[in-house]
Amino acid sequence: MNKDIQELSELHWQQDLLGSIEVGIVVLEKDFSVAVWNQFMENHSSVRPSQIIGKNLFSLFPEIDETWFKRKCDPVFNMGSPAFIIWEQRPYVFKFGTSRPITSASDYMYQNVTIFPLASITGETQRICVLVYDVTDQAMAKQSIEGLNARLQEVSRIDGLTGLYNRRYWQERFEREYKMAMRNDPDVCAIMLDIDHFKKVNDTHGHHAGDLVIKRLAKLITLATRETDICGRYGGEEFAIILPDTTEKTAKIMAERLRKLVSLDAVPYEDIKIKYTISIGIAQFTSDYREAVLWLEDADKALYEAKEGGRNRVVLAHEGSLE
């Protein structure tokens, strides 16, 4: 009699433990029928133990990838090796809603899952235990930090006035494009351009007016280029552009389009409109450039030739000015 009472007492505290622990506990037979389904699993699935015990897991949870899950469980059954599934690999095994639907930014519960063998007296694994941990808070916190870091990194690449890449990051991209070009020898062009007589704009109308002109030019550069082009403010009133997959001929067409667009533009400032023009230098990549800086220097020399040749024009490296 005392033994029966003791066994009932042990069963009671075991059931109490299964019911109160904030971890999902599922015990599966070799045929993936459910032997244990604790309170955590019931609370988050709305499936009672009486509805699932003895039933095949996949029949009640068809959203679980059966082939994948069985592959994860195979070494647990056959070799007694535990298996682990972390949310970074797969956000969840059981698609449960979040336990904090109002305060959480997630629509579902992120889960870490541990699967370990339950050996019989003979040492044979007939069942496995699946532990489901709610790691939604940790996952959301990590994603929030990663998102913030990504935004900070993006901000560190951007010129505050124009919204284009700053010089440091543009040069990083230029070096990267140069290395790729040395390996693949593609058609790619570098452009250097700046605003003609910009000092006169600042001296006549003030630095605020000069900033407005720089910002307007940045917008026109964005309009005249493709999403794949790499545009940056190189310093002051000078800008730099990388045109991937672009021949010298196509680069010249794009540059002329931008030059004409700018020559027709006027920046409103107080009660006047400020007219301005740009000069542009272009250098197409060639494997003769043994260093990236030599390529950029040729684009800069072409820009200088455009300035010396009367401004408001496009010059191709080594070919003189083009009206």
Protein backbone atom coordinates (compact mmCIF):
# COMPACT_ATOMS: atom_id res chain seq x y z
CA MET A 1 0.00 0.00 0.00
CA ASN A 2 2.78 2.40 0.97
CA LYS A 3 4.60 1.52 -2.25
CA ASP A 4 1.49 2.37 -4.30
CA ILE A 5 1.15 5.71 -2.51
CA GLN A 6 4.82 6.44 -3.12
CA GLU A 7 4.50 5.62 -6.82
CA LEU A 8 1.39 7.83 -7.11
CA SER A 9 3.25 10.63 -5.32
CA GLU A 10 6.20 10.35 -7.70
CA LEU A 11 3.85 10.31 -10.70
CA HIS A 12 2.11 13.41 -9.34
CA TRP A 13 5.28 15.48 -8.99
CA GLN A 14 6.52 14.30 -12.36
CA GLN A 15 3.26 15.44 -13.97
CA ASP A 16 3.42 18.67 -11.99
CA LEU A 17 6.93 19.27 -13.30
CA LEU A 18 5.90 18.58 -16.90
CA GLY A 19 2.97 20.95 -16.49
CA SER A 20 4.80 23.89 -14.92
CA ILE A 21 8.13 23.96 -16.74
CA GLU A 22 8.47 26.74 -19.34
CA VAL A 23 9.95 24.42 -21.92
CA GLY A 24 8.12 22.33 -24.48
CA ILE A 25 8.57 18.59 -23.90
CA VAL A 26 7.59 16.08 -26.56
CA VAL A 27 8.48 12.38 -26.43
CA LEU A 28 8.31 10.55 -29.75
CA GLU A 29 8.27 6.85 -30.54
CA LYS A 30 10.31 5.45 -33.42
CA ASP A 31 7.30 5.78 -35.71
CA PHE A 32 7.02 9.45 -34.65
CA SER A 33 3.82 8.93 -32.72
CA VAL A 34 3.59 11.16 -29.66
CA ALA A 35 4.06 9.61 -26.20
CA VAL A 36 4.36 12.77 -24.08
CA TRP A 37 2.96 16.24 -24.75
CA ASN A 38 3.39 18.67 -21.87
CA GLN A 39 1.46 21.75 -20.77
CA PHE A 40 3.78 24.17 -22.59
CA MET A 41 3.05 22.43 -25.89
CA GLU A 42 -0.68 22.41 -25.17
CA ASN A 43 -0.70 26.10 -24.24
CA HIS A 44 1.04 27.19 -27.42
CA SER A 45 -0.59 24.79 -29.88
CA SER A 46 -4.11 24.52 -28.40
CA VAL A 47 -3.72 20.76 -28.91
CA ARG A 48 -4.51 18.75 -25.77
CA PRO A 49 -2.54 15.62 -24.84
CA SER A 50 -5.69 13.52 -25.36
CA GLN A 51 -5.83 14.75 -28.96
CA ILE A 52 -2.26 13.92 -29.89
CA ILE A 53 -0.86 11.12 -27.72
CA GLY A 54 -0.65 7.99 -29.83
CA LYS A 55 -1.07 10.03 -33.02
CA ASN A 56 1.58 10.69 -35.65
CA LEU A 57 3.24 14.05 -35.09
CA PHE A 58 3.15 15.06 -38.75
CA SER A 59 -0.56 14.33 -39.11
CA LEU A 60 -1.35 17.10 -36.61
CA PHE A 61 1.52 19.40 -37.59
CA PRO A 62 1.82 19.11 -41.38
CA GLU A 63 3.81 22.37 -41.52
CA ILE A 64 6.82 20.52 -40.10
CA ASP A 65 9.13 19.44 -42.90
CA GLU A 66 8.89 15.68 -42.35
CA THR A 67 11.92 14.71 -44.42
CA TRP A 68 14.12 17.32 -42.77
CA PHE A 69 12.94 16.53 -39.23
CA LYS A 70 13.41 12.78 -39.65
CA ARG A 71 16.91 13.41 -40.97
CA LYS A 72 17.67 15.40 -37.80
CA CYS A 73 16.30 12.58 -35.65
CA ASP A 74 18.02 9.66 -37.40
CA PRO A 75 21.38 9.96 -35.57
CA VAL A 76 19.53 10.36 -32.27
CA PHE A 77 17.69 7.07 -32.76
CA ASN A 78 20.53 5.17 -34.42
CA MET A 79 23.67 6.44 -32.66
CA GLY A 80 22.34 7.99 -29.48
CA SER A 81 23.76 11.36 -30.48
CA PRO A 82 21.81 14.47 -29.48
CA ALA A 83 20.78 16.96 -32.16
CA PHE A 84 20.38 20.70 -31.91
CA ILE A 85 18.35 23.14 -34.00
CA ILE A 86 18.98 26.84 -33.42
CA TRP A 87 16.73 29.65 -34.56
CA GLU A 88 19.43 31.16 -36.80
CA GLN A 89 19.29 27.96 -38.88
CA ARG A 90 15.52 27.61 -38.78
CA PRO A 91 13.33 30.09 -36.87
CA TYR A 92 11.02 27.39 -35.50
CA VAL A 93 10.06 23.72 -35.70
CA PHE A 94 6.53 24.14 -34.35
CA LYS A 95 4.82 27.20 -35.80
CA PHE A 96 3.51 28.74 -32.60
CA GLY A 97 2.35 32.31 -32.23
CA THR A 98 4.39 34.56 -29.97
CA SER A 99 3.52 34.43 -26.29
CA ARG A 100 3.58 38.27 -26.24
CA PRO A 101 1.45 39.27 -29.25
CA ILE A 102 1.07 42.90 -28.11
CA THR A 103 4.65 43.75 -27.12
CA SER A 104 6.57 41.45 -29.48
CA ALA A 105 7.56 42.55 -32.98
CA SER A 106 7.45 38.93 -34.15
CA ASP A 107 4.42 37.05 -35.48
CA TYR A 108 5.74 33.68 -34.30
CA MET A 109 7.80 32.07 -31.57
CA TYR A 110 11.50 31.72 -32.31
CA GLN A 111 12.73 28.38 -31.00
CA ASN A 112 15.88 26.53 -30.08
CA VAL A 113 15.27 22.79 -30.11
CA THR A 114 17.25 19.96 -28.50
CA ILE A 115 16.61 16.32 -29.39
CA PHE A 116 18.16 13.60 -27.22
CA PRO A 117 17.74 9.81 -26.91
CA LEU A 118 15.74 8.04 -24.20
CA ALA A 119 17.42 4.68 -23.72
CA SER A 120 15.61 1.58 -22.46
CA ILE A 121 17.04 -0.75 -19.78
CA THR A 122 18.85 -2.62 -22.56
CA GLY A 123 20.44 0.62 -23.77
CA GLU A 124 18.45 0.68 -26.99
CA THR A 125 16.90 3.98 -28.04
CA GLN A 126 13.20 3.41 -28.58
CA ARG A 127 12.11 6.98 -27.93
CA ILE A 128 13.50 10.46 -28.26
CA CYS A 129 12.75 13.62 -26.30
CA VAL A 130 12.28 16.93 -28.07
CA LEU A 131 12.80 20.06 -25.95
CA VAL A 132 11.40 23.30 -27.36
CA TYR A 133 12.77 26.57 -25.93
CA ASP A 134 11.08 29.92 -26.53
CA VAL A 135 13.96 32.25 -27.51
CA THR A 136 11.85 34.97 -29.12
CA ASP A 137 13.18 37.74 -26.87
CA GLN A 138 16.81 36.79 -27.49
CA ALA A 139 16.24 36.43 -31.25
CA MET A 140 14.46 39.77 -31.55
CA ALA A 141 17.13 41.50 -29.46
CA LYS A 142 19.90 40.08 -31.62
CA GLN A 143 18.10 41.02 -34.83
CA SER A 144 17.49 44.51 -33.47
CA ILE A 145 21.19 44.95 -32.67
CA GLU A 146 22.20 43.55 -36.06
CA GLY A 147 19.74 45.88 -37.78
CA LEU A 148 21.07 48.86 -35.83
CA ASN A 149 24.65 47.91 -36.68
CA ALA A 150 23.71 47.59 -40.35
CA ARG A 151 22.08 51.04 -40.29
CA LEU A 152 25.10 52.55 -38.52
CA GLN A 153 27.39 50.94 -41.07
CA GLU A 154 25.28 52.34 -43.90
CA VAL A 155 25.31 55.81 -42.32
CA SER A 156 29.11 55.62 -42.01
CA ARG A 157 29.29 55.11 -45.79
CA ILE A 158 27.09 58.06 -46.73
CA ASP A 159 28.01 61.69 -47.31
CA GLY A 160 25.73 63.73 -45.06
CA LEU A 161 25.10 66.56 -47.51
CA THR A 162 24.40 64.65 -50.72
CA GLY A 163 23.23 61.19 -49.68
CA LEU A 164 25.83 59.67 -52.03
CA TYR A 165 28.71 57.49 -50.85
CA ASN A 166 31.44 59.38 -49.00
CA ARG A 167 34.99 59.44 -50.27
CA ARG A 168 36.31 56.72 -47.94
CA TYR A 169 33.66 54.17 -48.90
CA TRP A 170 33.70 55.13 -52.58
CA GLN A 171 37.44 54.49 -52.67
CA GLU A 172 36.89 51.10 -51.02
CA ARG A 173 34.41 50.23 -53.77
CA PHE A 174 36.78 51.57 -56.42
CA GLU A 175 39.60 49.34 -55.15
CA ARG A 176 37.22 46.37 -55.17
CA GLU A 177 36.10 47.11 -58.74
CA TYR A 178 39.72 47.47 -59.80
CA LYS A 179 40.66 44.06 -58.39
CA MET A 180 37.67 42.45 -60.11
CA ALA A 181 38.59 44.17 -63.35
CA MET A 182 42.18 42.91 -63.15
CA ARG A 183 40.85 39.35 -62.86
CA ASN A 184 38.10 39.54 -65.47
CA ASP A 185 39.09 42.47 -67.72
CA PRO A 186 35.51 43.75 -68.14
CA ASP A 187 34.24 46.99 -69.65
CA VAL A 188 34.20 49.46 -66.76
CA CYS A 189 34.77 53.21 -66.65
CA ALA A 190 35.72 55.70 -63.95
CA ILE A 191 34.38 59.26 -64.03
CA MET A 192 35.62 62.33 -62.19
CA LEU A 193 33.57 65.54 -62.36
CA ASP A 194 33.24 68.81 -60.56
CA ILE A 195 31.31 72.07 -60.62
CA ASP A 196 32.77 74.83 -62.76
CA HIS A 197 33.67 78.10 -60.98
CA PHE A 198 32.23 76.77 -57.72
CA LYS A 199 34.30 79.19 -55.64
CA LYS A 200 32.48 82.03 -57.38
CA VAL A 201 29.12 80.55 -56.26
CA ASN A 202 30.30 80.50 -52.63
CA ASP A 203 31.89 83.95 -52.80
CA THR A 204 28.85 85.53 -54.47
CA HIS A 205 25.95 83.82 -52.71
CA GLY A 206 27.46 82.22 -49.61
CA HIS A 207 28.20 78.66 -48.52
CA HIS A 208 24.56 77.76 -47.94
CA ALA A 209 23.85 78.48 -51.61
CA GLY A 210 26.91 76.41 -52.51
CA ASP A 211 25.58 73.50 -50.48
CA LEU A 212 22.25 73.73 -52.31
CA VAL A 213 24.04 73.52 -55.66
CA ILE A 214 26.04 70.48 -54.50
CA LYS A 215 22.86 68.77 -53.28
CA ARG A 216 21.06 69.51 -56.56
CA LEU A 217 23.95 68.10 -58.59
CA ALA A 218 23.92 64.93 -56.47
CA LYS A 219 20.23 64.46 -57.30
CA LEU A 220 20.90 64.91 -61.01
CA ILE A 221 23.75 62.41 -60.85
CA THR A 222 21.37 59.91 -59.26
CA LEU A 223 18.79 60.57 -61.99
CA ALA A 224 21.34 60.16 -64.79
CA THR A 225 22.94 56.94 -63.52
CA ARG A 226 21.81 53.36 -63.00
CA GLU A 227 21.28 51.57 -59.70
CA THR A 228 24.38 49.49 -60.44
CA ASP A 229 26.58 52.58 -60.86
CA ILE A 230 28.63 53.61 -57.83
CA CYS A 231 28.37 57.33 -57.15
CA GLY A 232 30.22 59.27 -54.48
CA ARG A 233 31.13 62.74 -53.33
CA TYR A 234 34.89 62.80 -53.65
CA GLY A 235 35.40 66.06 -51.81
CA GLY A 236 34.03 69.61 -51.88
CA GLU A 237 32.38 70.10 -55.26
CA GLU A 238 34.04 67.03 -56.81
CA PHE A 239 32.23 63.76 -57.52
CA ALA A 240 33.32 60.30 -58.68
CA ILE A 241 31.36 57.56 -60.45
CA ILE A 242 32.15 53.96 -61.34
CA LEU A 243 30.22 52.59 -64.32
CA PRO A 244 30.37 48.76 -64.34
CA ASP A 245 29.71 46.90 -67.59
CA THR A 246 30.12 50.12 -69.54
CA THR A 247 32.27 50.89 -72.57
CA GLU A 248 33.96 54.24 -73.07
CA LYS A 249 31.41 55.06 -75.78
CA THR A 250 28.45 54.39 -73.49
CA ALA A 251 30.11 56.26 -70.62
CA LYS A 252 30.54 59.29 -72.89
CA ILE A 253 26.83 59.20 -73.80
CA MET A 254 25.85 59.04 -70.13
CA ALA A 255 28.29 61.84 -69.22
CA GLU A 256 27.02 64.10 -72.00
CA ARG A 257 23.45 63.48 -70.88
CA LEU A 258 24.38 64.52 -67.34
CA ARG A 259 26.35 67.56 -68.53
CA LYS A 260 23.42 68.82 -70.62
CA LEU A 261 20.96 68.14 -67.80
CA VAL A 262 23.07 70.25 -65.45
CA SER A 263 23.58 73.06 -67.98
CA LEU A 264 19.80 73.44 -68.23
CA ASP A 265 19.33 73.43 -64.46
CA ALA A 266 19.01 76.40 -62.11
CA VAL A 267 19.00 76.20 -58.32
CA PRO A 268 16.43 78.46 -56.58
CA TYR A 269 18.04 80.52 -53.83
CA GLU A 270 16.24 83.36 -52.10
CA ASP A 271 14.97 85.55 -54.98
CA ILE A 272 17.40 84.28 -57.63
CA LYS A 273 18.19 81.12 -59.58
CA ILE A 274 21.80 79.97 -59.66
CA LYS A 275 23.03 78.58 -62.96
CA TYR A 276 26.00 76.23 -62.97
CA THR A 277 27.86 73.77 -65.21
CA ILE A 278 30.15 70.78 -64.74
CA SER A 279 33.26 69.37 -66.35
CA ILE A 280 33.74 65.61 -66.67
CA GLY A 281 36.73 63.30 -67.18
CA ILE A 282 36.40 59.63 -68.16
CA ALA A 283 38.92 56.77 -68.10
CA GLN A 284 38.09 53.26 -69.26
CA PHE A 285 39.78 50.42 -67.41
CA THR A 286 42.67 48.67 -69.08
CA SER A 287 44.93 45.96 -67.68
CA ASP A 288 47.84 48.34 -68.31
CA TYR A 289 46.85 50.07 -65.07
CA ARG A 290 49.12 48.27 -62.61
CA GLU A 291 47.58 50.16 -59.69
CA ALA A 292 44.06 51.43 -59.07
CA VAL A 293 45.35 54.94 -58.42
CA LEU A 294 46.75 55.16 -61.97
CA TRP A 295 43.30 54.51 -63.41
CA LEU A 296 41.77 57.21 -61.22
CA GLU A 297 44.59 59.62 -62.04
CA ASP A 298 43.79 59.28 -65.75
CA ALA A 299 40.14 60.18 -65.09
CA ASP A 300 41.34 63.15 -63.03
CA LYS A 301 43.73 64.24 -65.80
CA ALA A 302 40.84 64.09 -68.27
CA LEU A 303 38.82 66.28 -65.90
CA TYR A 304 41.71 68.76 -65.78
CA GLU A 305 41.79 68.81 -69.59
CA ALA A 306 38.06 69.56 -69.61
CA LYS A 307 38.68 72.50 -67.28
CA GLU A 308 41.59 73.77 -69.32
CA GLY A 309 39.63 73.33 -72.54
CA GLY A 310 36.93 75.77 -71.52
CA ARG A 311 34.80 73.86 -68.96
CA ASN A 312 31.26 72.52 -69.38
CA ARG A 313 32.53 69.60 -71.42
CA VAL A 314 33.40 65.90 -71.37
CA VAL A 315 36.93 64.63 -71.96
CA LEU A 316 38.01 61.03 -72.50
CA ALA A 317 41.41 60.07 -71.15
CA HIS A 318 44.14 60.17 -73.83
CA GLU A 319 41.73 61.49 -76.47
CA GLY A 320 41.37 65.21 -75.83
CA SER A 321 38.15 67.17 -75.38
CA LEU A 322 34.72 66.58 -76.84
CA GLU A 323 32.29 69.44 -77.36
